[in-house]
Amino acid sequence: MSVKIRLSRAGAKKRPFYHIVVADANAPRDGKFIERVGTYNPMLPAEHAERVTLVTERLQYWLGNGAQPTDRVARFLAKAELVKAPVRREQTKQPTPKKKAQERAAERAKAAEAA
């Protein structure tokens, strides 16, 4: 059984509030969980003390037993210095021009330089 530390949504429509829970990886997002280990309120300003609350002792226990945090929760844990900060992924290459367009642009630049 793989265990994840993830967010479980609560709160009203357009007023999100999340519980940070330890749950089986196959359990539904807002469904059955093993233990609640914190909260996250995105409606509060970033510097507010109660935006993210964590039960550090229980989080250390679960991390020691192999629970894997999701990307967002890993950021919270890194800020609280419980885990090492996750490596941010590079941007995709999708918005860059394709090979032929790059060749045409290089030819245009060469022609403009020669003129």
N, C-alpha and C. Protein backbone atom coordinates (compact mmCIF):
# COMPACT_ATOMS: atom_id res chain seq x y z
N MET A 1 0.85 -1.17 0.00
CA MET A 1 0.00 0.00 0.00
C MET A 1 0.90 1.24 0.00
N SER A 2 0.80 2.04 -1.08
CA SER A 2 1.56 3.29 -1.11
C SER A 2 0.73 4.40 -0.48
N VAL A 3 1.41 5.22 0.28
CA VAL A 3 0.73 6.27 1.04
C VAL A 3 1.20 7.63 0.53
N LYS A 4 0.25 8.54 0.35
CA LYS A 4 0.54 9.90 -0.13
C LYS A 4 0.14 10.91 0.93
N ILE A 5 0.86 12.02 0.96
CA ILE A 5 0.47 13.18 1.76
C ILE A 5 -0.04 14.18 0.74
N ARG A 6 -1.33 14.48 0.78
CA ARG A 6 -1.92 15.31 -0.26
C ARG A 6 -3.01 16.21 0.27
N LEU A 7 -3.56 17.04 -0.62
CA LEU A 7 -4.63 17.95 -0.24
C LEU A 7 -5.98 17.29 -0.48
N SER A 8 -6.92 17.57 0.43
CA SER A 8 -8.29 17.12 0.30
C SER A 8 -9.17 18.36 0.39
N ARG A 9 -9.98 18.61 -0.62
CA ARG A 9 -10.73 19.86 -0.68
C ARG A 9 -11.92 19.86 0.27
N ALA A 10 -12.09 21.00 0.91
CA ALA A 10 -13.25 21.26 1.76
C ALA A 10 -13.68 22.69 1.44
N GLY A 11 -14.59 23.25 2.17
CA GLY A 11 -15.00 24.63 1.93
C GLY A 11 -16.14 24.71 0.93
N ALA A 12 -16.71 25.90 0.81
CA ALA A 12 -17.86 26.12 -0.05
C ALA A 12 -17.42 26.40 -1.49
N LYS A 13 -18.40 26.51 -2.35
CA LYS A 13 -18.16 26.82 -3.75
C LYS A 13 -17.46 28.18 -3.86
N LYS A 14 -16.37 28.22 -4.61
CA LYS A 14 -15.56 29.42 -4.81
C LYS A 14 -14.93 29.96 -3.52
N ARG A 15 -14.90 29.18 -2.46
CA ARG A 15 -14.23 29.53 -1.20
C ARG A 15 -13.41 28.30 -0.78
N PRO A 16 -12.33 27.98 -1.49
CA PRO A 16 -11.61 26.74 -1.22
C PRO A 16 -10.91 26.73 0.14
N PHE A 17 -10.85 25.56 0.70
CA PHE A 17 -10.13 25.28 1.94
C PHE A 17 -9.69 23.84 1.82
N TYR A 18 -8.45 23.56 2.17
CA TYR A 18 -7.93 22.21 2.00
C TYR A 18 -7.41 21.65 3.32
N HIS A 19 -7.64 20.35 3.51
CA HIS A 19 -7.03 19.62 4.61
C HIS A 19 -5.83 18.89 4.02
N ILE A 20 -4.73 18.89 4.74
CA ILE A 20 -3.57 18.10 4.33
C ILE A 20 -3.72 16.76 5.01
N VAL A 21 -3.84 15.70 4.21
CA VAL A 21 -4.15 14.39 4.75
C VAL A 21 -3.13 13.36 4.29
N VAL A 22 -3.03 12.30 5.07
CA VAL A 22 -2.26 11.12 4.69
C VAL A 22 -3.29 10.10 4.23
N ALA A 23 -3.16 9.66 2.98
CA ALA A 23 -4.17 8.77 2.42
C ALA A 23 -3.52 7.71 1.54
N ASP A 24 -4.24 6.62 1.33
CA ASP A 24 -3.82 5.60 0.38
C ASP A 24 -3.82 6.24 -1.00
N ALA A 25 -2.84 5.92 -1.82
CA ALA A 25 -2.71 6.54 -3.14
C ALA A 25 -3.92 6.27 -4.02
N ASN A 26 -4.63 5.17 -3.79
CA ASN A 26 -5.78 4.83 -4.61
C ASN A 26 -7.10 5.40 -4.10
N ALA A 27 -7.09 6.01 -2.94
CA ALA A 27 -8.32 6.58 -2.37
C ALA A 27 -8.71 7.84 -3.14
N PRO A 28 -10.01 8.15 -3.23
CA PRO A 28 -10.44 9.37 -3.92
C PRO A 28 -9.94 10.63 -3.22
N ARG A 29 -9.85 11.73 -3.97
CA ARG A 29 -9.28 12.98 -3.44
C ARG A 29 -9.96 13.42 -2.15
N ASP A 30 -11.27 13.46 -2.13
CA ASP A 30 -12.00 13.92 -0.95
C ASP A 30 -12.57 12.76 -0.15
N GLY A 31 -12.09 11.56 -0.39
CA GLY A 31 -12.64 10.38 0.25
C GLY A 31 -11.88 9.96 1.50
N LYS A 32 -11.79 8.65 1.65
CA LYS A 32 -11.20 8.06 2.84
C LYS A 32 -9.73 8.45 2.99
N PHE A 33 -9.34 8.78 4.21
CA PHE A 33 -7.94 9.10 4.49
C PHE A 33 -7.54 8.45 5.80
N ILE A 34 -6.25 8.38 6.06
CA ILE A 34 -5.73 7.73 7.26
C ILE A 34 -5.66 8.72 8.41
N GLU A 35 -5.10 9.92 8.13
CA GLU A 35 -4.92 10.90 9.19
C GLU A 35 -4.87 12.30 8.61
N ARG A 36 -5.43 13.27 9.32
CA ARG A 36 -5.36 14.67 8.93
C ARG A 36 -4.15 15.29 9.64
N VAL A 37 -3.24 15.89 8.84
CA VAL A 37 -1.99 16.40 9.41
C VAL A 37 -1.78 17.90 9.18
N GLY A 38 -2.79 18.61 8.72
CA GLY A 38 -2.64 20.04 8.54
C GLY A 38 -3.76 20.64 7.72
N THR A 39 -3.67 21.94 7.49
CA THR A 39 -4.66 22.65 6.68
C THR A 39 -3.95 23.65 5.77
N TYR A 40 -4.67 24.04 4.71
CA TYR A 40 -4.19 25.05 3.78
C TYR A 40 -5.38 25.90 3.36
N ASN A 41 -5.27 27.22 3.59
CA ASN A 41 -6.34 28.14 3.24
C ASN A 41 -5.81 29.14 2.21
N PRO A 42 -6.04 28.89 0.91
CA PRO A 42 -5.50 29.77 -0.12
C PRO A 42 -6.15 31.15 -0.16
N MET A 43 -7.24 31.36 0.56
CA MET A 43 -7.93 32.64 0.58
C MET A 43 -7.19 33.67 1.45
N LEU A 44 -6.31 33.21 2.32
CA LEU A 44 -5.55 34.12 3.18
C LEU A 44 -4.32 34.63 2.44
N PRO A 45 -3.82 35.81 2.81
CA PRO A 45 -2.60 36.32 2.16
C PRO A 45 -1.41 35.40 2.43
N ALA A 46 -0.44 35.44 1.53
CA ALA A 46 0.71 34.52 1.60
C ALA A 46 1.48 34.63 2.91
N GLU A 47 1.56 35.82 3.49
CA GLU A 47 2.35 36.00 4.72
C GLU A 47 1.56 35.70 5.99
N HIS A 48 0.28 35.38 5.87
CA HIS A 48 -0.57 35.12 7.04
C HIS A 48 -0.13 33.83 7.74
N ALA A 49 -0.10 33.84 9.05
CA ALA A 49 0.40 32.70 9.82
C ALA A 49 -0.47 31.46 9.69
N GLU A 50 -1.76 31.62 9.48
CA GLU A 50 -2.67 30.47 9.42
C GLU A 50 -2.99 30.02 8.01
N ARG A 51 -2.24 30.49 7.02
CA ARG A 51 -2.47 30.04 5.64
C ARG A 51 -2.16 28.55 5.53
N VAL A 52 -1.04 28.12 6.11
CA VAL A 52 -0.67 26.70 6.14
C VAL A 52 -0.36 26.34 7.58
N THR A 53 -1.07 25.33 8.11
CA THR A 53 -0.76 24.81 9.44
C THR A 53 -0.38 23.34 9.29
N LEU A 54 0.64 22.92 10.01
CA LEU A 54 1.14 21.55 9.90
C LEU A 54 1.33 20.95 11.28
N VAL A 55 1.07 19.65 11.40
CA VAL A 55 1.38 18.89 12.62
C VAL A 55 2.71 18.20 12.34
N THR A 56 3.80 18.88 12.70
CA THR A 56 5.13 18.45 12.28
C THR A 56 5.53 17.07 12.79
N GLU A 57 5.14 16.74 14.03
CA GLU A 57 5.52 15.43 14.58
C GLU A 57 4.94 14.29 13.74
N ARG A 58 3.66 14.41 13.38
CA ARG A 58 3.01 13.36 12.61
C ARG A 58 3.54 13.32 11.17
N LEU A 59 3.85 14.49 10.63
CA LEU A 59 4.41 14.53 9.28
C LEU A 59 5.78 13.86 9.25
N GLN A 60 6.59 14.12 10.26
CA GLN A 60 7.90 13.46 10.32
C GLN A 60 7.75 11.95 10.43
N TYR A 61 6.75 11.52 11.21
CA TYR A 61 6.49 10.08 11.35
C TYR A 61 6.14 9.46 10.00
N TRP A 62 5.20 10.10 9.27
CA TRP A 62 4.75 9.54 8.00
C TRP A 62 5.84 9.62 6.94
N LEU A 63 6.61 10.69 6.92
CA LEU A 63 7.72 10.78 5.97
C LEU A 63 8.76 9.71 6.27
N GLY A 64 8.99 9.44 7.55
CA GLY A 64 9.92 8.39 7.95
C GLY A 64 9.45 7.01 7.55
N ASN A 65 8.13 6.83 7.44
CA ASN A 65 7.56 5.55 7.04
C ASN A 65 7.33 5.45 5.54
N GLY A 66 7.83 6.41 4.76
CA GLY A 66 7.79 6.28 3.31
C GLY A 66 6.64 6.97 2.61
N ALA A 67 5.87 7.80 3.29
CA ALA A 67 4.78 8.52 2.61
C ALA A 67 5.37 9.54 1.65
N GLN A 68 4.80 9.64 0.46
CA GLN A 68 5.29 10.56 -0.57
C GLN A 68 4.37 11.78 -0.66
N PRO A 69 4.91 13.00 -0.48
CA PRO A 69 4.08 14.20 -0.62
C PRO A 69 3.86 14.54 -2.09
N THR A 70 2.71 15.15 -2.39
CA THR A 70 2.47 15.64 -3.73
C THR A 70 3.30 16.90 -3.94
N ASP A 71 3.31 17.43 -5.16
CA ASP A 71 4.14 18.60 -5.47
C ASP A 71 3.81 19.79 -4.58
N ARG A 72 2.54 20.12 -4.47
CA ARG A 72 2.12 21.29 -3.68
C ARG A 72 2.46 21.09 -2.21
N VAL A 73 2.17 19.92 -1.67
CA VAL A 73 2.45 19.65 -0.26
C VAL A 73 3.95 19.63 -0.02
N ALA A 74 4.73 19.15 -0.98
CA ALA A 74 6.18 19.14 -0.84
C ALA A 74 6.72 20.57 -0.70
N ARG A 75 6.09 21.53 -1.40
CA ARG A 75 6.50 22.93 -1.25
C ARG A 75 6.23 23.43 0.16
N PHE A 76 5.06 23.07 0.70
CA PHE A 76 4.73 23.48 2.07
C PHE A 76 5.73 22.89 3.05
N LEU A 77 6.06 21.61 2.87
CA LEU A 77 6.99 20.93 3.77
C LEU A 77 8.40 21.50 3.64
N ALA A 78 8.79 21.89 2.44
CA ALA A 78 10.11 22.49 2.24
C ALA A 78 10.18 23.84 2.94
N LYS A 79 9.10 24.59 2.89
CA LYS A 79 9.08 25.89 3.56
C LYS A 79 9.17 25.72 5.07
N ALA A 80 8.61 24.63 5.59
CA ALA A 80 8.68 24.33 7.02
C ALA A 80 9.97 23.56 7.36
N GLU A 81 10.82 23.34 6.36
CA GLU A 81 12.11 22.65 6.51
C GLU A 81 11.97 21.21 6.99
N LEU A 82 10.93 20.53 6.52
CA LEU A 82 10.76 19.11 6.83
C LEU A 82 11.34 18.22 5.74
N VAL A 83 11.36 18.72 4.51
CA VAL A 83 11.97 17.98 3.40
C VAL A 83 12.81 18.96 2.59
N LYS A 84 13.62 18.40 1.70
CA LYS A 84 14.41 19.23 0.80
C LYS A 84 13.49 19.80 -0.27
N ALA A 85 13.74 21.03 -0.70
CA ALA A 85 12.88 21.69 -1.68
C ALA A 85 12.86 20.89 -2.98
N PRO A 86 11.67 20.68 -3.56
CA PRO A 86 11.59 19.92 -4.81
C PRO A 86 12.20 20.72 -5.96
N VAL A 87 12.75 20.01 -6.92
CA VAL A 87 13.35 20.64 -8.09
C VAL A 87 12.23 21.07 -9.02
N ARG A 88 12.25 22.34 -9.44
CA ARG A 88 11.23 22.84 -10.36
C ARG A 88 11.55 22.36 -11.76
N ARG A 89 10.52 21.91 -12.47
CA ARG A 89 10.71 21.42 -13.84
C ARG A 89 10.94 22.58 -14.80
N GLU A 90 11.67 22.30 -15.87
CA GLU A 90 11.92 23.31 -16.89
C GLU A 90 10.66 23.53 -17.72
N GLN A 91 10.60 24.67 -18.38
CA GLN A 91 9.49 24.95 -19.28
C GLN A 91 9.55 23.97 -20.46
N THR A 92 8.39 23.71 -21.04
CA THR A 92 8.36 22.85 -22.22
C THR A 92 8.89 23.60 -23.42
N LYS A 93 9.25 22.88 -24.44
CA LYS A 93 9.77 23.50 -25.66
C LYS A 93 8.64 23.79 -26.65
N GLN A 94 7.43 23.53 -26.27
CA GLN A 94 6.29 23.65 -27.18
C GLN A 94 6.13 25.05 -27.78
N PRO A 95 6.26 26.15 -27.02
CA PRO A 95 6.02 27.46 -27.64
C PRO A 95 7.14 27.95 -28.55
N THR A 96 8.27 27.26 -28.59
CA THR A 96 9.36 27.70 -29.47
C THR A 96 9.04 27.32 -30.91
N PRO A 97 9.54 28.10 -31.89
CA PRO A 97 9.29 27.78 -33.30
C PRO A 97 9.92 26.44 -33.67
N LYS A 98 9.34 25.80 -34.68
CA LYS A 98 9.86 24.52 -35.14
C LYS A 98 11.16 24.72 -35.94
N LYS A 99 11.78 23.63 -36.37
CA LYS A 99 13.09 23.66 -36.99
C LYS A 99 13.14 24.53 -38.25
N LYS A 100 12.17 24.34 -39.15
CA LYS A 100 12.19 25.10 -40.41
C LYS A 100 11.99 26.58 -40.16
N ALA A 101 11.13 26.93 -39.22
CA ALA A 101 10.89 28.34 -38.91
C ALA A 101 12.15 28.97 -38.32
N GLN A 102 12.89 28.21 -37.52
CA GLN A 102 14.14 28.72 -36.97
C GLN A 102 15.18 28.94 -38.08
N GLU A 103 15.21 28.01 -39.06
CA GLU A 103 16.14 28.15 -40.19
C GLU A 103 15.80 29.39 -41.01
N ARG A 104 14.50 29.61 -41.29
CA ARG A 104 14.08 30.79 -42.05
C ARG A 104 14.44 32.07 -41.31
N ALA A 105 14.25 32.09 -40.00
CA ALA A 105 14.58 33.28 -39.21
C ALA A 105 16.09 33.53 -39.25
N ALA A 106 16.90 32.47 -39.21
CA ALA A 106 18.35 32.63 -39.28
C ALA A 106 18.75 33.17 -40.65
N GLU A 107 18.12 32.68 -41.73
CA GLU A 107 18.40 33.18 -43.07
C GLU A 107 18.04 34.66 -43.19
N ARG A 108 16.89 35.04 -42.65
CA ARG A 108 16.46 36.44 -42.68
C ARG A 108 17.46 37.32 -41.93
N ALA A 109 17.91 36.85 -40.76
CA ALA A 109 18.87 37.62 -39.99
C ALA A 109 20.19 37.77 -40.73
N LYS A 110 20.61 36.69 -41.43
CA LYS A 110 21.85 36.73 -42.21
C LYS A 110 21.72 37.69 -43.39
N ALA A 111 20.55 37.67 -44.03
CA ALA A 111 20.30 38.58 -45.16
C ALA A 111 20.26 40.02 -44.70
N ALA A 112 19.65 40.28 -43.55
CA ALA A 112 19.58 41.63 -43.01
C ALA A 112 20.97 42.13 -42.62
N GLU A 113 21.79 41.23 -42.13
CA GLU A 113 23.16 41.58 -41.73
C GLU A 113 24.00 41.91 -42.96
N ALA A 114 23.81 41.15 -44.01
CA ALA A 114 24.57 41.37 -45.25
C ALA A 114 24.15 42.67 -45.93
N ALA A 115 22.91 43.05 -45.78
CA ALA A 115 22.41 44.28 -46.45
C ALA A 115 22.77 45.52 -45.73
